[in-house]
N, C-alpha and C. Protein backbone atom coordinates (compact mmCIF):
# COMPACT_ATOMS: atom_id res chain seq x y z
N MET A 1 17.63 56.65 110.04
CA MET A 1 16.47 56.87 110.50
C MET A 1 16.06 56.21 111.86
N MET A 2 15.44 56.98 112.60
CA MET A 2 15.30 56.51 114.13
C MET A 2 14.32 55.52 113.94
N ILE A 3 14.41 54.45 114.99
CA ILE A 3 13.70 53.37 115.15
C ILE A 3 13.02 53.67 116.74
N LEU A 4 11.60 53.57 116.50
CA LEU A 4 11.03 53.65 117.80
C LEU A 4 10.26 52.71 118.15
N PRO A 5 10.17 52.70 119.93
CA PRO A 5 9.43 51.27 120.18
C PRO A 5 7.97 51.30 119.79
N ALA A 6 7.65 50.04 119.43
CA ALA A 6 6.40 49.92 118.85
C ALA A 6 5.25 50.68 119.73
N PRO A 7 4.45 51.45 119.06
CA PRO A 7 3.41 51.90 119.67
C PRO A 7 2.37 51.19 120.55
N ARG A 8 1.50 51.58 121.60
CA ARG A 8 0.44 50.95 122.18
C ARG A 8 -0.99 51.31 121.21
N ALA A 9 -0.93 52.45 120.80
CA ALA A 9 -2.03 53.15 119.94
C ALA A 9 -1.43 54.08 118.80
N VAL A 10 -2.20 54.59 117.99
CA VAL A 10 -1.63 55.31 117.14
C VAL A 10 -2.84 56.16 116.67
N VAL A 11 -2.50 57.60 116.77
CA VAL A 11 -3.74 58.50 116.61
C VAL A 11 -3.17 59.38 115.30
N PHE A 12 -4.19 59.26 114.20
CA PHE A 12 -3.85 60.08 112.88
C PHE A 12 -4.61 61.12 112.70
N ASP A 13 -4.03 62.02 111.86
CA ASP A 13 -4.60 63.18 111.18
C ASP A 13 -5.38 62.47 110.02
N TRP A 14 -6.15 63.12 109.37
CA TRP A 14 -6.82 62.71 108.16
C TRP A 14 -6.25 62.96 107.01
N ASP A 15 -6.37 64.45 106.67
CA ASP A 15 -5.94 64.94 105.08
C ASP A 15 -4.70 64.91 105.06
N SER A 16 -4.07 64.48 103.82
CA SER A 16 -2.54 64.23 103.57
C SER A 16 -2.04 63.49 104.38
N THR A 17 -2.61 62.86 105.26
CA THR A 17 -1.90 61.81 106.01
C THR A 17 -2.48 60.42 105.44
N LEU A 18 -3.80 60.29 105.84
CA LEU A 18 -4.07 58.98 105.29
C LEU A 18 -5.26 59.15 103.94
N VAL A 19 -5.75 60.28 103.60
CA VAL A 19 -6.32 60.75 102.33
C VAL A 19 -6.19 61.93 101.94
N ASP A 20 -6.62 62.33 100.59
CA ASP A 20 -6.35 63.66 100.14
C ASP A 20 -7.52 63.81 99.58
N ASN A 21 -8.27 64.98 100.27
CA ASN A 21 -9.49 65.41 99.99
C ASN A 21 -9.39 67.07 99.90
N TRP A 22 -8.09 67.47 99.29
CA TRP A 22 -7.98 68.99 99.05
C TRP A 22 -8.64 69.66 97.94
N GLY A 23 -9.07 68.93 96.93
CA GLY A 23 -9.73 69.31 96.17
C GLY A 23 -11.34 69.84 96.56
N ALA A 24 -11.94 69.11 97.55
CA ALA A 24 -13.07 69.61 97.58
C ALA A 24 -12.99 70.55 98.69
N ILE A 25 -11.91 70.45 99.70
CA ILE A 25 -11.65 71.57 100.39
C ILE A 25 -11.48 73.07 99.79
N ALA A 26 -10.74 73.27 98.66
CA ALA A 26 -10.21 73.96 97.95
C ALA A 26 -11.52 74.67 97.06
N ARG A 27 -12.42 73.84 96.61
CA ARG A 27 -13.58 74.14 95.85
C ARG A 27 -14.65 75.11 96.84
N ALA A 28 -14.55 74.59 97.91
CA ALA A 28 -15.75 75.08 98.90
C ALA A 28 -15.16 76.48 99.35
N LEU A 29 -13.89 76.39 99.49
CA LEU A 29 -13.11 77.77 100.23
C LEU A 29 -13.32 78.91 99.15
N GLU A 30 -12.97 78.52 97.69
CA GLU A 30 -13.13 79.54 96.80
C GLU A 30 -14.68 80.11 96.69
N ARG A 31 -15.55 79.16 96.95
CA ARG A 31 -17.08 79.34 96.84
C ARG A 31 -17.37 80.68 97.87
N THR A 32 -16.71 80.17 99.14
CA THR A 32 -16.90 80.93 100.29
C THR A 32 -16.39 82.50 100.01
N PHE A 33 -15.02 82.45 100.00
CA PHE A 33 -14.10 83.71 99.62
C PHE A 33 -14.87 84.47 98.56
N THR A 34 -15.14 83.92 97.51
CA THR A 34 -16.00 84.74 96.41
C THR A 34 -17.25 85.57 96.80
N ALA A 35 -17.82 84.66 97.53
CA ALA A 35 -19.41 84.93 97.99
C ALA A 35 -19.23 85.96 99.24
N MET A 36 -17.98 86.16 99.91
CA MET A 36 -17.78 86.78 100.97
C MET A 36 -16.95 88.14 100.47
N GLY A 37 -16.45 88.36 99.27
CA GLY A 37 -15.91 89.44 98.91
C GLY A 37 -14.33 89.38 98.71
N HIS A 38 -13.83 88.08 99.27
CA HIS A 38 -12.47 88.01 99.34
C HIS A 38 -11.64 87.29 98.07
N VAL A 39 -10.23 87.54 98.20
CA VAL A 39 -9.85 86.90 97.16
C VAL A 39 -9.36 85.56 97.28
N PRO A 40 -10.01 84.66 96.52
CA PRO A 40 -9.67 82.86 96.81
C PRO A 40 -8.46 82.59 96.79
N TRP A 41 -8.10 81.70 97.72
CA TRP A 41 -6.82 81.18 97.71
C TRP A 41 -6.78 80.18 96.67
N THR A 42 -5.61 79.86 96.25
CA THR A 42 -5.20 78.89 95.27
C THR A 42 -5.41 77.65 96.13
N GLU A 43 -5.37 76.43 95.24
CA GLU A 43 -5.20 75.16 96.02
C GLU A 43 -3.85 74.94 96.72
N THR A 44 -2.88 75.44 96.37
CA THR A 44 -1.53 75.30 96.77
C THR A 44 -1.60 76.33 98.28
N GLU A 45 -1.97 77.16 98.08
CA GLU A 45 -2.20 77.97 99.55
C GLU A 45 -3.09 77.59 100.09
N VAL A 46 -4.49 76.99 99.95
CA VAL A 46 -5.37 76.31 100.78
C VAL A 46 -4.50 74.99 101.53
N ARG A 47 -3.85 74.18 101.01
CA ARG A 47 -2.92 73.23 101.51
C ARG A 47 -1.91 73.69 102.42
N ALA A 48 -1.41 74.83 102.31
CA ALA A 48 -0.56 75.15 103.33
C ALA A 48 -0.91 75.93 104.42
N ARG A 49 -2.32 76.55 104.31
CA ARG A 49 -2.92 77.39 105.31
C ARG A 49 -4.08 77.04 105.91
N ALA A 50 -4.60 75.96 105.23
CA ALA A 50 -6.03 75.36 106.05
C ALA A 50 -5.71 74.37 107.04
N LYS A 51 -5.14 74.59 107.98
CA LYS A 51 -4.76 73.49 109.07
C LYS A 51 -5.49 73.61 110.46
N LYS A 52 -6.06 74.47 110.70
CA LYS A 52 -6.61 74.68 111.75
C LYS A 52 -8.46 74.57 111.64
N SER A 53 -9.15 74.66 112.37
CA SER A 53 -10.52 74.41 112.01
C SER A 53 -10.90 75.50 112.07
N LEU A 54 -12.40 75.28 111.20
CA LEU A 54 -12.98 76.89 110.93
C LEU A 54 -13.37 77.64 111.97
N ARG A 55 -13.76 76.92 113.26
CA ARG A 55 -14.32 78.07 114.44
C ARG A 55 -13.16 78.54 114.95
N ASP A 56 -11.78 78.28 114.57
CA ASP A 56 -10.76 78.75 115.16
C ASP A 56 -10.11 79.71 113.93
N THR A 57 -10.45 79.61 112.42
CA THR A 57 -9.88 80.69 111.53
C THR A 57 -10.92 81.46 111.09
N PHE A 58 -12.03 81.09 110.87
CA PHE A 58 -13.16 81.88 110.38
C PHE A 58 -13.37 83.04 110.93
N PRO A 59 -13.57 83.38 112.18
CA PRO A 59 -13.66 84.64 112.77
C PRO A 59 -12.67 85.42 112.60
N THR A 60 -11.33 85.05 112.32
CA THR A 60 -10.48 86.03 111.97
C THR A 60 -10.38 86.40 110.49
N LEU A 61 -10.61 85.39 109.74
CA LEU A 61 -11.15 85.79 108.25
C LEU A 61 -12.28 86.65 107.93
N PHE A 62 -13.25 86.26 108.62
CA PHE A 62 -14.65 86.78 108.20
C PHE A 62 -15.12 87.90 109.28
N GLY A 63 -14.75 87.83 110.39
CA GLY A 63 -15.00 88.77 111.70
C GLY A 63 -16.66 88.52 111.96
N ASP A 64 -17.63 89.31 112.12
CA ASP A 64 -18.99 88.97 112.36
C ASP A 64 -19.73 88.16 111.40
N ARG A 65 -19.35 87.88 110.26
CA ARG A 65 -19.92 87.06 109.11
C ARG A 65 -19.25 85.63 109.08
N ALA A 66 -18.64 85.20 110.40
CA ALA A 66 -17.90 83.97 110.20
C ALA A 66 -19.13 83.07 110.31
N GLU A 67 -20.17 83.08 110.89
CA GLU A 67 -21.28 81.79 110.76
C GLU A 67 -21.78 82.13 109.39
N GLU A 68 -22.03 83.04 108.55
CA GLU A 68 -22.39 82.76 107.33
C GLU A 68 -21.45 82.18 106.49
N ALA A 69 -19.89 82.56 106.43
CA ALA A 69 -19.06 82.17 105.63
C ALA A 69 -19.08 80.33 106.06
N THR A 70 -19.25 79.95 107.23
CA THR A 70 -19.31 78.44 107.93
C THR A 70 -20.46 77.41 107.12
N ARG A 71 -21.63 78.31 106.89
CA ARG A 71 -22.51 77.56 106.47
C ARG A 71 -22.28 77.60 104.84
N LEU A 72 -21.78 78.63 103.93
CA LEU A 72 -21.35 78.60 102.67
C LEU A 72 -20.45 77.56 102.37
N PHE A 73 -19.24 77.42 103.31
CA PHE A 73 -18.51 76.42 103.07
C PHE A 73 -19.01 75.12 103.05
N TYR A 74 -19.57 74.81 104.29
CA TYR A 74 -20.20 73.36 104.30
C TYR A 74 -21.14 73.10 103.23
N ALA A 75 -22.32 74.08 102.61
CA ALA A 75 -22.89 73.61 101.72
C ALA A 75 -21.99 73.16 100.74
N GLY A 76 -20.75 73.93 99.97
CA GLY A 76 -20.33 73.55 98.93
C GLY A 76 -19.43 72.46 99.13
N PHE A 77 -18.90 71.99 100.47
CA PHE A 77 -18.04 71.01 100.78
C PHE A 77 -19.10 69.80 100.66
N GLU A 78 -20.08 69.55 101.18
CA GLU A 78 -21.01 68.55 101.20
C GLU A 78 -21.23 68.15 99.87
N ALA A 79 -21.52 68.88 99.08
CA ALA A 79 -21.94 68.75 97.59
C ALA A 79 -20.65 67.70 97.01
N VAL A 80 -19.44 67.55 97.32
CA VAL A 80 -18.61 67.20 96.51
C VAL A 80 -17.33 66.27 97.10
N HIS A 81 -17.46 66.37 98.47
CA HIS A 81 -16.21 65.79 99.16
C HIS A 81 -16.29 64.19 99.24
N LEU A 82 -17.21 63.51 98.81
CA LEU A 82 -17.26 61.95 98.88
C LEU A 82 -16.58 61.69 97.42
N GLU A 83 -16.87 62.31 96.47
CA GLU A 83 -16.52 62.05 95.01
C GLU A 83 -15.02 62.49 94.82
N THR A 84 -14.53 63.38 95.50
CA THR A 84 -13.13 63.77 95.48
C THR A 84 -12.12 63.06 96.25
N LEU A 85 -12.78 62.26 97.25
CA LEU A 85 -11.82 61.64 98.25
C LEU A 85 -10.98 60.57 97.54
N THR A 86 -9.63 60.68 98.03
CA THR A 86 -8.75 59.83 97.43
C THR A 86 -7.63 59.30 98.28
N VAL A 87 -7.49 57.87 98.46
CA VAL A 87 -6.73 57.21 99.63
C VAL A 87 -5.22 57.47 99.19
N LEU A 88 -4.45 57.85 100.03
CA LEU A 88 -3.05 57.94 99.81
C LEU A 88 -2.27 56.42 99.79
N GLU A 89 -1.20 56.42 99.06
CA GLU A 89 -0.55 55.08 98.78
C GLU A 89 -0.29 54.53 100.22
N GLY A 90 -0.40 53.41 100.48
CA GLY A 90 -0.02 52.54 101.72
C GLY A 90 -0.74 52.64 102.75
N ALA A 91 -1.88 53.79 102.68
CA ALA A 91 -2.73 53.90 103.87
C ALA A 91 -3.44 52.89 104.35
N ALA A 92 -4.38 51.78 103.26
CA ALA A 92 -5.00 50.74 103.62
C ALA A 92 -4.14 49.62 104.40
N ASP A 93 -3.08 49.66 103.66
CA ASP A 93 -2.23 48.50 104.36
C ASP A 93 -1.62 49.03 105.55
N LEU A 94 -1.16 49.84 106.04
CA LEU A 94 -0.95 50.54 107.10
C LEU A 94 -1.94 50.31 108.30
N LEU A 95 -3.27 50.75 107.82
CA LEU A 95 -4.47 50.53 108.98
C LEU A 95 -4.52 48.83 108.90
N ASP A 96 -4.57 48.05 108.09
CA ASP A 96 -4.39 46.69 108.04
C ASP A 96 -3.29 46.21 108.88
N GLY A 97 -2.17 46.68 108.87
CA GLY A 97 -1.06 46.15 109.94
C GLY A 97 -1.15 46.31 111.03
N LEU A 98 -1.78 47.62 111.57
CA LEU A 98 -2.20 47.96 112.83
C LEU A 98 -3.31 47.02 113.50
N ALA A 99 -4.08 46.99 112.62
CA ALA A 99 -5.40 45.89 113.21
C ALA A 99 -4.87 44.62 113.20
N SER A 100 -4.06 44.36 112.51
CA SER A 100 -3.61 42.57 112.53
C SER A 100 -2.93 42.64 113.76
N ARG A 101 -2.01 43.71 114.41
CA ARG A 101 -1.36 43.62 115.31
C ARG A 101 -2.07 43.77 116.80
N GLY A 102 -3.39 44.29 116.56
CA GLY A 102 -4.23 44.72 117.89
C GLY A 102 -3.97 45.88 118.36
N ILE A 103 -3.23 46.76 117.53
CA ILE A 103 -2.93 48.41 117.74
C ILE A 103 -3.91 48.99 117.79
N PRO A 104 -4.89 49.87 118.56
CA PRO A 104 -5.82 50.38 118.40
C PRO A 104 -5.38 51.58 117.80
N ALA A 105 -6.24 52.19 116.86
CA ALA A 105 -6.09 53.42 116.12
C ALA A 105 -7.41 54.39 116.12
N ALA A 106 -6.98 55.75 116.06
CA ALA A 106 -8.12 56.78 116.08
C ALA A 106 -7.78 57.69 115.10
N VAL A 107 -8.58 58.83 115.11
CA VAL A 107 -8.23 59.95 114.00
C VAL A 107 -8.68 61.09 114.94
N VAL A 108 -7.78 62.14 114.61
CA VAL A 108 -8.05 63.41 115.28
C VAL A 108 -7.96 64.45 114.07
N SER A 109 -8.72 65.02 113.63
CA SER A 109 -8.69 66.06 112.57
C SER A 109 -9.36 67.21 112.79
N ASN A 110 -8.98 68.38 112.33
CA ASN A 110 -9.77 69.57 112.33
C ASN A 110 -10.66 69.60 111.23
N LYS A 111 -10.98 68.59 110.42
CA LYS A 111 -12.24 68.62 109.58
C LYS A 111 -13.38 68.46 110.48
N SER A 112 -14.74 68.60 110.18
CA SER A 112 -15.89 68.83 110.91
C SER A 112 -16.12 67.36 111.11
N GLY A 113 -16.61 66.93 112.30
CA GLY A 113 -16.59 65.40 112.86
C GLY A 113 -17.59 64.71 111.86
N GLY A 114 -18.72 65.38 111.51
CA GLY A 114 -19.80 64.60 110.78
C GLY A 114 -19.36 64.24 109.28
N TYR A 115 -18.72 65.03 108.70
CA TYR A 115 -18.19 64.88 107.39
C TYR A 115 -17.01 63.91 107.64
N LEU A 116 -16.12 63.71 108.48
CA LEU A 116 -14.87 63.29 108.75
C LEU A 116 -14.97 61.57 108.89
N ARG A 117 -16.32 61.25 109.52
CA ARG A 117 -16.78 60.01 109.85
C ARG A 117 -17.51 59.52 108.58
N ARG A 118 -18.36 60.38 107.87
CA ARG A 118 -18.74 59.99 106.53
C ARG A 118 -17.98 59.49 105.63
N GLU A 119 -16.89 60.10 105.36
CA GLU A 119 -15.72 59.89 104.57
C GLU A 119 -15.35 58.51 104.94
N ALA A 120 -14.96 58.34 106.44
CA ALA A 120 -14.36 56.89 106.75
C ALA A 120 -15.22 55.87 106.35
N ALA A 121 -16.44 56.06 106.70
CA ALA A 121 -17.74 55.18 106.51
C ALA A 121 -17.57 54.78 104.83
N HIS A 122 -17.44 56.00 104.24
CA HIS A 122 -17.44 55.69 102.66
C HIS A 122 -16.28 54.90 102.15
N LEU A 123 -15.20 54.84 102.82
CA LEU A 123 -14.19 54.04 102.42
C LEU A 123 -14.30 52.72 103.06
N GLY A 124 -15.03 52.34 104.06
CA GLY A 124 -15.13 51.16 104.64
C GLY A 124 -14.17 51.21 105.91
N TRP A 125 -13.55 52.44 106.20
CA TRP A 125 -12.65 52.41 107.10
C TRP A 125 -13.03 52.50 108.52
N ASP A 126 -14.50 52.82 108.83
CA ASP A 126 -14.88 53.41 110.24
C ASP A 126 -14.44 52.08 111.11
N ARG A 127 -14.53 50.62 110.67
CA ARG A 127 -14.14 49.41 111.27
C ARG A 127 -12.45 49.52 111.89
N TYR A 128 -11.88 50.26 111.30
CA TYR A 128 -10.35 50.45 111.67
C TYR A 128 -10.20 51.25 113.22
N PHE A 129 -11.36 52.34 113.17
CA PHE A 129 -10.92 53.25 114.14
C PHE A 129 -11.78 53.20 115.59
N HIS A 130 -11.05 53.31 116.73
CA HIS A 130 -11.84 53.01 117.81
C HIS A 130 -12.70 54.29 118.15
N ARG A 131 -12.03 55.40 117.41
CA ARG A 131 -12.99 56.77 117.40
C ARG A 131 -12.45 57.75 116.49
N ILE A 132 -13.06 58.32 115.87
CA ILE A 132 -12.86 59.53 114.94
C ILE A 132 -13.30 60.78 115.38
N VAL A 133 -12.36 61.69 115.67
CA VAL A 133 -12.89 62.93 116.54
C VAL A 133 -12.40 64.11 115.56
N GLY A 134 -13.61 65.09 115.13
CA GLY A 134 -13.42 65.98 114.34
C GLY A 134 -13.40 67.13 115.00
N ALA A 135 -13.39 68.50 114.21
CA ALA A 135 -13.46 69.65 114.58
C ALA A 135 -14.82 69.86 115.46
N THR A 136 -14.90 70.63 116.58
CA THR A 136 -16.17 70.75 117.72
C THR A 136 -16.43 69.90 118.36
N ASP A 137 -16.12 68.58 118.07
CA ASP A 137 -16.38 67.37 118.90
C ASP A 137 -15.64 67.26 120.30
N ALA A 138 -14.54 68.21 120.34
CA ALA A 138 -13.99 68.12 121.69
C ALA A 138 -13.92 69.62 122.21
N PRO A 139 -13.81 69.98 123.33
CA PRO A 139 -13.83 71.43 123.87
C PRO A 139 -13.28 72.43 123.09
N ARG A 140 -12.14 71.98 122.66
CA ARG A 140 -11.05 72.40 122.03
C ARG A 140 -10.53 71.54 120.79
N ASP A 141 -10.07 72.36 119.67
CA ASP A 141 -9.69 71.73 118.36
C ASP A 141 -8.01 71.73 118.27
N LYS A 142 -7.66 70.88 117.42
CA LYS A 142 -6.08 70.82 117.40
C LYS A 142 -5.59 72.37 116.83
N PRO A 143 -4.41 72.43 117.64
CA PRO A 143 -3.53 71.89 118.34
C PRO A 143 -3.80 71.62 119.77
N ALA A 144 -4.84 72.01 120.14
CA ALA A 144 -4.92 71.76 121.70
C ALA A 144 -5.05 70.15 121.96
N PRO A 145 -4.64 69.36 123.17
CA PRO A 145 -4.54 68.08 123.34
C PRO A 145 -6.47 67.58 123.49
N ASP A 146 -7.12 68.25 123.86
CA ASP A 146 -8.26 67.91 124.16
C ASP A 146 -8.67 66.53 123.29
N PRO A 147 -8.80 66.95 121.85
CA PRO A 147 -9.49 65.81 120.87
C PRO A 147 -8.50 64.49 121.01
N VAL A 148 -7.52 64.40 121.24
CA VAL A 148 -6.52 63.35 121.36
C VAL A 148 -6.98 62.47 122.68
N HIS A 149 -7.19 63.10 123.74
CA HIS A 149 -7.80 62.63 125.09
C HIS A 149 -9.20 61.74 124.70
N MET A 150 -10.05 62.60 124.07
CA MET A 150 -11.31 61.94 123.56
C MET A 150 -11.28 60.83 122.43
N ALA A 151 -10.31 60.76 121.62
CA ALA A 151 -9.89 59.87 120.79
C ALA A 151 -9.65 58.30 121.39
N LEU A 152 -8.88 58.56 122.32
CA LEU A 152 -8.03 57.61 123.17
C LEU A 152 -9.08 57.10 124.33
N ALA A 153 -10.25 57.63 124.91
CA ALA A 153 -11.13 57.40 125.65
C ALA A 153 -11.58 56.18 125.61
N GLY A 154 -11.41 54.92 126.51
CA GLY A 154 -12.01 53.66 126.34
C GLY A 154 -11.17 52.57 125.68
N THR A 155 -9.84 53.15 125.18
CA THR A 155 -9.12 52.06 124.66
C THR A 155 -8.22 51.27 125.66
N GLY A 156 -8.14 51.91 127.00
CA GLY A 156 -7.11 51.35 128.07
C GLY A 156 -5.77 52.33 127.98
N VAL A 157 -5.56 52.98 126.57
CA VAL A 157 -4.38 53.62 126.40
C VAL A 157 -4.41 55.04 126.81
N ALA A 158 -3.52 55.52 127.60
CA ALA A 158 -3.83 57.09 127.88
C ALA A 158 -2.70 57.69 127.01
N ALA A 159 -2.90 58.93 126.58
CA ALA A 159 -1.86 59.74 126.19
C ALA A 159 -0.58 59.59 126.82
N GLY A 160 0.31 59.61 125.72
CA GLY A 160 1.89 59.28 126.33
C GLY A 160 2.79 58.93 125.39
N PRO A 161 4.13 58.75 125.64
CA PRO A 161 5.06 58.51 124.69
C PRO A 161 4.96 57.32 123.93
N HIS A 162 4.09 56.40 124.36
CA HIS A 162 3.71 55.38 123.99
C HIS A 162 2.43 55.17 122.82
N VAL A 163 2.10 56.48 122.62
CA VAL A 163 1.03 56.64 121.49
C VAL A 163 1.79 57.54 120.59
N TRP A 164 1.85 56.93 119.36
CA TRP A 164 2.06 57.71 118.23
C TRP A 164 1.01 58.98 117.58
N PHE A 165 1.57 60.09 117.53
CA PHE A 165 0.59 60.78 116.78
C PHE A 165 1.03 61.01 115.28
N VAL A 166 0.37 60.91 114.52
CA VAL A 166 0.86 60.77 113.22
C VAL A 166 0.13 62.01 112.02
N GLY A 167 0.99 62.96 111.68
CA GLY A 167 0.21 63.92 110.92
C GLY A 167 0.99 64.60 109.70
N ASP A 168 0.63 65.53 109.03
CA ASP A 168 1.61 65.90 107.91
C ASP A 168 1.85 67.67 108.26
N SER A 169 1.73 68.26 109.31
CA SER A 169 1.45 69.39 109.64
C SER A 169 2.17 69.99 110.83
N ALA A 170 2.74 71.30 111.05
CA ALA A 170 3.07 71.81 112.16
C ALA A 170 1.96 71.52 113.49
N VAL A 171 0.79 71.94 112.78
CA VAL A 171 -0.31 71.62 113.57
C VAL A 171 -0.57 70.43 114.46
N ASP A 172 -0.13 69.33 113.67
CA ASP A 172 -0.08 68.13 114.12
C ASP A 172 0.83 67.64 115.11
N LEU A 173 2.27 68.19 114.78
CA LEU A 173 3.23 68.06 115.73
C LEU A 173 3.14 68.82 116.97
N ALA A 174 2.50 70.06 117.12
CA ALA A 174 2.07 70.52 118.17
C ALA A 174 1.09 69.84 118.98
N CYS A 175 -0.05 69.28 118.44
CA CYS A 175 -0.99 68.49 119.07
C CYS A 175 -0.27 67.47 119.95
N ALA A 176 0.69 66.79 119.03
CA ALA A 176 1.29 65.68 119.59
C ALA A 176 1.99 66.09 121.08
N HIS A 177 2.91 66.90 120.76
CA HIS A 177 3.60 67.46 121.92
C HIS A 177 2.82 68.06 122.80
N ALA A 178 1.56 68.52 122.58
CA ALA A 178 0.69 69.11 123.97
C ALA A 178 0.21 67.68 124.62
N ALA A 179 -0.09 66.85 123.92
CA ALA A 179 -0.79 65.70 124.50
C ALA A 179 0.55 64.80 125.23
N GLY A 180 1.62 64.88 124.89
CA GLY A 180 2.71 64.21 125.45
C GLY A 180 2.79 62.89 124.65
N CYS A 181 2.44 62.87 123.45
CA CYS A 181 2.55 61.84 122.56
C CYS A 181 3.90 61.70 121.94
N THR A 182 4.17 61.00 121.14
CA THR A 182 5.22 60.88 120.34
C THR A 182 4.89 61.07 118.94
N ALA A 183 5.48 62.44 118.42
CA ALA A 183 5.08 62.90 117.02
C ALA A 183 5.79 62.26 115.93
N VAL A 184 4.96 61.98 114.80
CA VAL A 184 5.62 61.43 113.53
C VAL A 184 4.91 62.11 112.70
N LEU A 185 5.88 62.61 111.59
CA LEU A 185 5.61 63.54 110.75
C LEU A 185 5.51 62.44 109.37
N ILE A 186 4.42 62.65 108.57
CA ILE A 186 4.53 62.08 107.22
C ILE A 186 4.33 63.24 106.36
N HIS A 187 5.34 63.12 105.53
CA HIS A 187 5.45 64.40 104.37
C HIS A 187 6.62 63.70 103.60
N PRO A 188 6.51 63.95 102.19
CA PRO A 188 7.39 63.65 101.28
C PRO A 188 8.81 64.24 101.10
N ASP A 189 8.60 65.69 101.67
CA ASP A 189 9.66 66.51 101.41
C ASP A 189 10.38 66.56 102.67
N ASN A 190 12.25 66.80 102.41
CA ASN A 190 12.95 66.73 103.55
C ASN A 190 13.83 67.79 103.14
N PRO A 191 13.80 69.11 103.83
CA PRO A 191 12.88 69.21 105.24
C PRO A 191 11.28 69.69 104.45
N PRO A 192 10.57 69.69 105.14
CA PRO A 192 9.23 69.97 104.73
C PRO A 192 8.94 71.52 104.79
N PRO A 193 7.82 72.12 104.01
CA PRO A 193 7.77 73.27 103.66
C PRO A 193 7.64 74.13 104.98
N GLU A 194 6.85 73.52 105.80
CA GLU A 194 6.53 74.19 107.02
C GLU A 194 7.75 74.03 108.06
N ASP A 195 7.63 75.21 108.97
CA ASP A 195 8.83 75.13 109.94
C ASP A 195 8.21 74.23 111.03
N VAL A 196 8.92 73.00 111.34
CA VAL A 196 8.57 72.19 112.37
C VAL A 196 9.31 72.15 113.37
N SER A 197 10.44 73.30 113.67
CA SER A 197 11.45 73.05 114.68
C SER A 197 10.61 73.44 115.86
N LEU A 198 9.73 74.16 116.08
CA LEU A 198 9.09 74.48 117.29
C LEU A 198 8.94 73.34 118.08
N HIS A 199 7.92 72.20 117.43
CA HIS A 199 7.48 71.13 117.73
C HIS A 199 7.93 69.65 117.02
N PRO A 200 9.46 69.64 117.06
CA PRO A 200 9.95 68.64 116.17
C PRO A 200 9.37 67.24 116.23
N PRO A 201 9.40 66.56 115.15
CA PRO A 201 9.05 65.35 115.26
C PRO A 201 10.26 64.12 115.61
N ALA A 202 9.78 63.06 116.41
CA ALA A 202 10.42 62.07 116.66
C ALA A 202 10.93 61.29 115.38
N MET A 203 9.95 61.10 114.71
CA MET A 203 10.34 60.31 113.48
C MET A 203 9.77 61.22 111.99
N HIS A 204 10.37 61.49 111.01
CA HIS A 204 9.88 61.77 109.51
C HIS A 204 10.13 60.92 108.46
N LEU A 205 8.61 60.51 108.16
CA LEU A 205 8.67 59.57 107.11
C LEU A 205 8.13 60.18 105.90
N ALA A 206 8.46 59.43 104.68
CA ALA A 206 7.69 60.09 103.34
C ALA A 206 6.44 59.90 103.26
N ASP A 207 5.92 58.37 103.83
CA ASP A 207 4.71 58.18 103.39
C ASP A 207 4.24 57.10 104.61
N CYS A 208 2.73 56.56 104.19
CA CYS A 208 2.49 55.31 104.79
C CYS A 208 3.18 54.16 104.91
N ARG A 209 3.61 53.82 103.90
CA ARG A 209 4.31 52.49 103.47
C ARG A 209 5.64 52.49 104.65
N GLU A 210 6.32 53.61 104.61
CA GLU A 210 7.38 53.73 105.29
C GLU A 210 6.95 53.57 106.75
N LEU A 211 5.87 54.23 107.14
CA LEU A 211 5.46 53.84 108.82
C LEU A 211 5.17 52.17 108.97
N LEU A 212 4.69 51.86 107.66
CA LEU A 212 4.09 50.45 108.35
C LEU A 212 5.50 49.49 108.24
N LEU A 213 6.64 50.14 107.54
CA LEU A 213 7.74 49.41 107.94
C LEU A 213 8.42 49.54 109.58
N GLN A 214 7.93 50.72 109.97
CA GLN A 214 8.42 50.63 111.70
C GLN A 214 7.68 49.95 112.39
N LEU A 215 6.56 49.31 112.01
CA LEU A 215 5.73 48.39 112.89
C LEU A 215 6.54 46.95 113.06
N ARG A 216 7.42 46.78 114.21
CA ARG A 216 8.04 45.37 114.21
C ARG A 216 7.16 44.58 114.79
N ASP A 217 7.17 43.50 114.25
CA ASP A 217 6.53 42.23 115.18
C ASP A 217 7.10 41.67 116.35
């Protein structure tokens, strides 16, 4: 396994990296697809396909009804997202480890920023993050680098190889490369089901526990 220099800052994806809330996303999408006359995706399909933000995907899926579909989705998601939120194993210890070392952390996700920050506060995790940036908070969403620069603003650390961008998908890796950060893939499968060859990770780890072991004192 490749050993990387210790990071000066770490930017995390959210879903499937630190937490699992795909149940709420799948239920909200099922409601939306059904109301819009589309065949709903299974939860497995949702996990594979729902990587970009709604503002980047719903116009393609629903055309001029994208705004209506967005309202339907968020109404369904808001009703259940806190009760279905699950912390992934080792995530809390990893965040504690970064905090104890004085390494600033941030979140960049394609989940809507308001819900993202609500979930972090629900877990008591907002204290860990310098900034939590979600979809539509920046001029462009992942994989564009805009939200990474927004997340790091005020840390004294600019985007670059000394910043780890940690995520579970090809979109996260593309964002890391676009921002010039070191891409770290968290995924239990080797190789992962997505093709990550276009923007390869500098390091591929199974979970947050393995990432914590990479933080050398």
